[in-house]
Amino acid sequence: MNLAYLKSPDLSFFSDAKVQLEQIILSLGSAHYANREHGEIEQYIRTKGDELLRRLFQGYLDQKASIEPRLNFITSIAGDKLNYVKELTSRKLTSLFGDVTVKRNRYNQRRQASQFPLDGELNLAADQYSDGVRKRVAKETIRGSYDEAVETIRDTTGCSIAKCA
């Protein structure tokens, strides 16, 4: 067996993205899209492209979860030993490409707050929004109202954010 083959990375985490890319290419080469105007093609690529990017991001996160080590315990910030481990808990992350799921190990102990080392490694905020979404919201709200920012983000990305009450 070839040594390079043995050391090649596992790309199966990205199979959904590969399927999406192949579908986009097949659609663009089909008779259905042969005589469409460029604006329609551009919109199709943007929409399907956001889904492709979301699937790539999901593949990356799944790959990270698959190699996260399961430790016997971790020490909390307060110095407490957290030794109850639940593997592959999940949370939603709203990214510029759409919602993805972050799977990670949870460490806790009775009467102690749970901790998620992979969340720290990925530098995730406590709420569901990615850094990219936060940055985009900040830029858009500088230009106008929050409601206008919500609409612009919905129209130009694969995500949506909550409107103010």
C-alpha atoms as a PDB file:
ATOM      1  CA  MET A   1       0.000   0.000   0.000  1.00  0.00           C
ATOM      2  CA  ASN A   2       1.234   3.480  -0.852  1.00  0.00           C
ATOM      3  CA  LEU A   3       2.459   5.438   2.211  1.00  0.00           C
ATOM      4  CA  ALA A   4       0.981   8.692   0.862  1.00  0.00           C
ATOM      5  CA  TYR A   5      -2.418   7.003   0.734  1.00  0.00           C
ATOM      6  CA  LEU A   6      -2.164   6.038   4.392  1.00  0.00           C
ATOM      7  CA  LYS A   7      -1.364   9.623   5.416  1.00  0.00           C
ATOM      8  CA  SER A   8      -3.994  11.305   3.261  1.00  0.00           C
ATOM      9  CA  PRO A   9      -6.587  13.295   5.224  1.00  0.00           C
ATOM     10  CA  ASP A  10     -10.120  11.995   5.638  1.00  0.00           C
ATOM     11  CA  LEU A  11     -12.164  14.158   3.301  1.00  0.00           C
ATOM     12  CA  SER A  12     -15.427  12.304   3.878  1.00  0.00           C
ATOM     13  CA  PHE A  13     -16.550  15.158   6.119  1.00  0.00           C
ATOM     14  CA  PHE A  14     -16.816  17.283   2.983  1.00  0.00           C
ATOM     15  CA  SER A  15     -18.849  14.830   0.889  1.00  0.00           C
ATOM     16  CA  ASP A  16     -22.054  16.880   1.235  1.00  0.00           C
ATOM     17  CA  ALA A  17     -20.207  19.938  -0.077  1.00  0.00           C
ATOM     18  CA  LYS A  18     -18.864  17.932  -2.999  1.00  0.00           C
ATOM     19  CA  VAL A  19     -22.401  16.771  -3.866  1.00  0.00           C
ATOM     20  CA  GLN A  20     -23.608  20.392  -3.738  1.00  0.00           C
ATOM     21  CA  LEU A  21     -20.787  21.612  -6.002  1.00  0.00           C
ATOM     22  CA  GLU A  22     -21.438  18.837  -8.515  1.00  0.00           C
ATOM     23  CA  GLN A  23     -25.155  19.703  -8.536  1.00  0.00           C
ATOM     24  CA  ILE A  24     -24.399  23.382  -9.200  1.00  0.00           C
ATOM     25  CA  ILE A  25     -22.084  22.483 -12.077  1.00  0.00           C
ATOM     26  CA  LEU A  26     -24.584  20.031 -13.573  1.00  0.00           C
ATOM     27  CA  SER A  27     -27.381  22.587 -13.328  1.00  0.00           C
ATOM     28  CA  LEU A  28     -25.336  25.341 -14.957  1.00  0.00           C
ATOM     29  CA  GLY A  29     -24.430  23.016 -17.812  1.00  0.00           C
ATOM     30  CA  SER A  30     -28.029  21.859 -18.337  1.00  0.00           C
ATOM     31  CA  ALA A  31     -30.437  22.925 -21.050  1.00  0.00           C
ATOM     32  CA  HIS A  32     -32.626  24.534 -18.348  1.00  0.00           C
ATOM     33  CA  TYR A  33     -30.018  27.232 -17.701  1.00  0.00           C
ATOM     34  CA  ALA A  34     -28.600  27.493 -21.236  1.00  0.00           C
ATOM     35  CA  ASN A  35     -30.470  30.653 -22.244  1.00  0.00           C
ATOM     36  CA  ARG A  36     -31.008  32.376 -18.893  1.00  0.00           C
ATOM     37  CA  GLU A  37     -30.039  35.978 -18.263  1.00  0.00           C
ATOM     38  CA  HIS A  38     -26.887  36.620 -16.302  1.00  0.00           C
ATOM     39  CA  GLY A  39     -28.815  38.071 -13.339  1.00  0.00           C
ATOM     40  CA  GLU A  40     -30.752  34.858 -12.876  1.00  0.00           C
ATOM     41  CA  ILE A  41     -27.566  32.793 -13.120  1.00  0.00           C
ATOM     42  CA  GLU A  42     -25.822  35.102 -10.664  1.00  0.00           C
ATOM     43  CA  GLN A  43     -28.674  34.747  -8.158  1.00  0.00           C
ATOM     44  CA  TYR A  44     -28.695  30.945  -8.594  1.00  0.00           C
ATOM     45  CA  ILE A  45     -24.945  30.743  -7.968  1.00  0.00           C
ATOM     46  CA  ARG A  46     -25.144  33.041  -4.933  1.00  0.00           C
ATOM     47  CA  THR A  47     -27.972  31.075  -3.358  1.00  0.00           C
ATOM     48  CA  LYS A  48     -26.555  27.631  -4.116  1.00  0.00           C
ATOM     49  CA  GLY A  49     -23.060  28.913  -3.375  1.00  0.00           C
ATOM     50  CA  ASP A  50     -24.102  29.935   0.139  1.00  0.00           C
ATOM     51  CA  GLU A  51     -25.335  26.377   0.665  1.00  0.00           C
ATOM     52  CA  LEU A  52     -22.037  25.029  -0.689  1.00  0.00           C
ATOM     53  CA  LEU A  53     -20.117  27.249   1.741  1.00  0.00           C
ATOM     54  CA  ARG A  54     -22.409  26.202   4.606  1.00  0.00           C
ATOM     55  CA  ARG A  55     -21.740  22.550   3.822  1.00  0.00           C
ATOM     56  CA  LEU A  56     -17.985  23.191   3.708  1.00  0.00           C
ATOM     57  CA  PHE A  57     -18.161  24.906   7.098  1.00  0.00           C
ATOM     58  CA  GLN A  58     -20.265  22.049   8.497  1.00  0.00           C
ATOM     59  CA  GLY A  59     -17.723  19.549   7.175  1.00  0.00           C
ATOM     60  CA  TYR A  60     -14.914  21.450   8.879  1.00  0.00           C
ATOM     61  CA  LEU A  61     -16.792  21.519  12.187  1.00  0.00           C
ATOM     62  CA  ASP A  62     -17.624  17.799  11.931  1.00  0.00           C
ATOM     63  CA  GLN A  63     -13.974  17.037  11.250  1.00  0.00           C
ATOM     64  CA  LYS A  64     -12.938  19.065  14.328  1.00  0.00           C
ATOM     65  CA  ALA A  65     -15.490  17.187  16.466  1.00  0.00           C
ATOM     66  CA  SER A  66     -14.199  13.836  15.231  1.00  0.00           C
ATOM     67  CA  ILE A  67     -10.671  14.540  16.474  1.00  0.00           C
ATOM     68  CA  GLU A  68     -11.604  16.254  19.740  1.00  0.00           C
ATOM     69  CA  PRO A  69      -9.944  14.185  22.452  1.00  0.00           C
ATOM     70  CA  ARG A  70     -12.082  12.747  25.228  1.00  0.00           C
ATOM     71  CA  LEU A  71     -10.313  13.656  28.431  1.00  0.00           C
ATOM     72  CA  ASN A  72     -10.929  12.003  31.795  1.00  0.00           C
ATOM     73  CA  PHE A  73     -11.499  15.440  33.308  1.00  0.00           C
ATOM     74  CA  ILE A  74     -10.784  19.114  32.855  1.00  0.00           C
ATOM     75  CA  THR A  75     -10.195  21.768  35.474  1.00  0.00           C
ATOM     76  CA  SER A  76     -12.632  24.662  35.523  1.00  0.00           C
ATOM     77  CA  ILE A  77     -11.577  28.285  35.783  1.00  0.00           C
ATOM     78  CA  ALA A  78     -12.486  28.107  39.488  1.00  0.00           C
ATOM     79  CA  GLY A  79     -10.133  25.129  39.903  1.00  0.00           C
ATOM     80  CA  ASP A  80     -12.843  22.474  40.189  1.00  0.00           C
ATOM     81  CA  LYS A  81     -12.379  19.085  38.583  1.00  0.00           C
ATOM     82  CA  LEU A  82     -15.065  18.428  35.962  1.00  0.00           C
ATOM     83  CA  ASN A  83     -15.066  14.705  35.301  1.00  0.00           C
ATOM     84  CA  TYR A  84     -18.535  13.914  33.991  1.00  0.00           C
ATOM     85  CA  VAL A  85     -18.190  13.818  30.197  1.00  0.00           C
ATOM     86  CA  LYS A  86     -20.966  13.735  27.642  1.00  0.00           C
ATOM     87  CA  GLU A  87     -19.690  13.234  24.115  1.00  0.00           C
ATOM     88  CA  LEU A  88     -20.996  14.935  20.987  1.00  0.00           C
ATOM     89  CA  THR A  89     -23.418  17.390  22.522  1.00  0.00           C
ATOM     90  CA  SER A  90     -24.423  20.016  20.000  1.00  0.00           C
ATOM     91  CA  ARG A  91     -25.323  23.643  19.543  1.00  0.00           C
ATOM     92  CA  LYS A  92     -26.464  25.787  16.653  1.00  0.00           C
ATOM     93  CA  LEU A  93     -24.123  28.355  15.144  1.00  0.00           C
ATOM     94  CA  THR A  94     -25.558  30.944  12.755  1.00  0.00           C
ATOM     95  CA  SER A  95     -22.872  31.776  10.207  1.00  0.00           C
ATOM     96  CA  LEU A  96     -22.837  34.023   7.154  1.00  0.00           C
ATOM     97  CA  PHE A  97     -23.627  30.920   5.079  1.00  0.00           C
ATOM     98  CA  GLY A  98     -26.520  29.643   7.221  1.00  0.00           C
ATOM     99  CA  ASP A  99     -26.980  27.552  10.331  1.00  0.00           C
ATOM    100  CA  VAL A 100     -24.465  24.829  11.166  1.00  0.00           C
ATOM    101  CA  THR A 101     -24.241  22.432  14.091  1.00  0.00           C
ATOM    102  CA  VAL A 102     -21.201  22.355  16.363  1.00  0.00           C
ATOM    103  CA  LYS A 103     -20.732  18.971  18.013  1.00  0.00           C
ATOM    104  CA  ARG A 104     -18.457  18.919  21.035  1.00  0.00           C
ATOM    105  CA  ASN A 105     -17.772  17.226  24.351  1.00  0.00           C
ATOM    106  CA  ARG A 106     -19.354  18.647  27.503  1.00  0.00           C
ATOM    107  CA  TYR A 107     -17.582  18.451  30.856  1.00  0.00           C
ATOM    108  CA  ASN A 108     -19.447  19.132  34.072  1.00  0.00           C
ATOM    109  CA  GLN A 109     -19.941  18.190  37.685  1.00  0.00           C
ATOM    110  CA  ARG A 110     -22.909  18.596  39.973  1.00  0.00           C
ATOM    111  CA  ARG A 111     -23.546  22.258  40.850  1.00  0.00           C
ATOM    112  CA  GLN A 112     -20.860  23.375  38.382  1.00  0.00           C
ATOM    113  CA  ALA A 113     -21.320  25.124  35.052  1.00  0.00           C
ATOM    114  CA  SER A 114     -20.680  22.930  32.034  1.00  0.00           C
ATOM    115  CA  GLN A 115     -17.610  23.628  29.954  1.00  0.00           C
ATOM    116  CA  PHE A 116     -16.910  22.876  26.304  1.00  0.00           C
ATOM    117  CA  PRO A 117     -13.205  22.906  25.386  1.00  0.00           C
ATOM    118  CA  LEU A 118     -13.893  22.862  21.630  1.00  0.00           C
ATOM    119  CA  ASP A 119     -16.028  26.015  21.977  1.00  0.00           C
ATOM    120  CA  GLY A 120     -12.978  27.686  23.488  1.00  0.00           C
ATOM    121  CA  GLU A 121     -10.663  26.337  20.809  1.00  0.00           C
ATOM    122  CA  LEU A 122     -12.998  27.681  18.118  1.00  0.00           C
ATOM    123  CA  ASN A 123     -13.462  30.934  20.097  1.00  0.00           C
ATOM    124  CA  LEU A 124     -17.254  30.671  19.972  1.00  0.00           C
ATOM    125  CA  ALA A 125     -19.386  33.233  21.762  1.00  0.00           C
ATOM    126  CA  ALA A 126     -21.988  32.089  24.269  1.00  0.00           C
ATOM    127  CA  ASP A 127     -24.855  32.922  21.890  1.00  0.00           C
ATOM    128  CA  GLN A 128     -25.519  31.407  18.467  1.00  0.00           C
ATOM    129  CA  TYR A 129     -23.919  34.019  16.164  1.00  0.00           C
ATOM    130  CA  SER A 130     -20.534  33.632  14.455  1.00  0.00           C
ATOM    131  CA  ASP A 131     -17.900  36.352  14.398  1.00  0.00           C
ATOM    132  CA  GLY A 132     -18.653  36.930  10.702  1.00  0.00           C
ATOM    133  CA  VAL A 133     -22.316  37.604  11.440  1.00  0.00           C
ATOM    134  CA  ARG A 134     -21.410  39.921  14.334  1.00  0.00           C
ATOM    135  CA  LYS A 135     -19.028  41.912  12.150  1.00  0.00           C
ATOM    136  CA  ARG A 136     -21.588  42.166   9.360  1.00  0.00           C
ATOM    137  CA  VAL A 137     -24.330  43.338  11.761  1.00  0.00           C
ATOM    138  CA  ALA A 138     -22.001  45.991  13.176  1.00  0.00           C
ATOM    139  CA  LYS A 139     -21.118  47.306   9.697  1.00  0.00           C
ATOM    140  CA  GLU A 140     -24.730  47.343   8.539  1.00  0.00           C
ATOM    141  CA  THR A 141     -26.119  49.048  11.649  1.00  0.00           C
ATOM    142  CA  ILE A 142     -23.585  51.859  11.261  1.00  0.00           C
ATOM    143  CA  ARG A 143     -25.170  52.578   7.861  1.00  0.00           C
ATOM    144  CA  GLY A 144     -28.754  52.679   9.068  1.00  0.00           C
ATOM    145  CA  SER A 145     -31.336  51.163  11.349  1.00  0.00           C
ATOM    146  CA  TYR A 146     -31.133  47.700  12.859  1.00  0.00           C
ATOM    147  CA  ASP A 147     -34.243  46.622  10.925  1.00  0.00           C
ATOM    148  CA  GLU A 148     -32.548  47.673   7.662  1.00  0.00           C
ATOM    149  CA  ALA A 149     -29.445  45.724   8.707  1.00  0.00           C
ATOM    150  CA  VAL A 150     -31.564  42.612   9.341  1.00  0.00           C
ATOM    151  CA  GLU A 151     -33.082  42.902   5.858  1.00  0.00           C
ATOM    152  CA  THR A 152     -29.725  43.494   4.145  1.00  0.00           C
ATOM    153  CA  ILE A 153     -28.125  40.534   5.901  1.00  0.00           C
ATOM    154  CA  ARG A 154     -31.061  38.290   4.978  1.00  0.00           C
ATOM    155  CA  ASP A 155     -30.842  39.414   1.321  1.00  0.00           C
ATOM    156  CA  THR A 156     -27.055  39.139   0.945  1.00  0.00           C
ATOM    157  CA  THR A 157     -26.036  36.152   3.065  1.00  0.00           C
ATOM    158  CA  GLY A 158     -27.245  32.665   3.870  1.00  0.00           C
ATOM    159  CA  CYS A 159     -28.330  33.642   7.379  1.00  0.00           C
ATOM    160  CA  SER A 160     -31.003  35.580   9.133  1.00  0.00           C
ATOM    161  CA  ILE A 161     -30.871  37.352  12.454  1.00  0.00           C
ATOM    162  CA  ALA A 162     -33.647  38.275  14.836  1.00  0.00           C
ATOM    163  CA  LYS A 163     -35.375  41.623  14.552  1.00  0.00           C
ATOM    164  CA  CYS A 164     -35.599  43.903  17.562  1.00  0.00           C
ATOM    165  CA  ALA A 165     -38.818  43.789  19.532  1.00  0.00           C
END
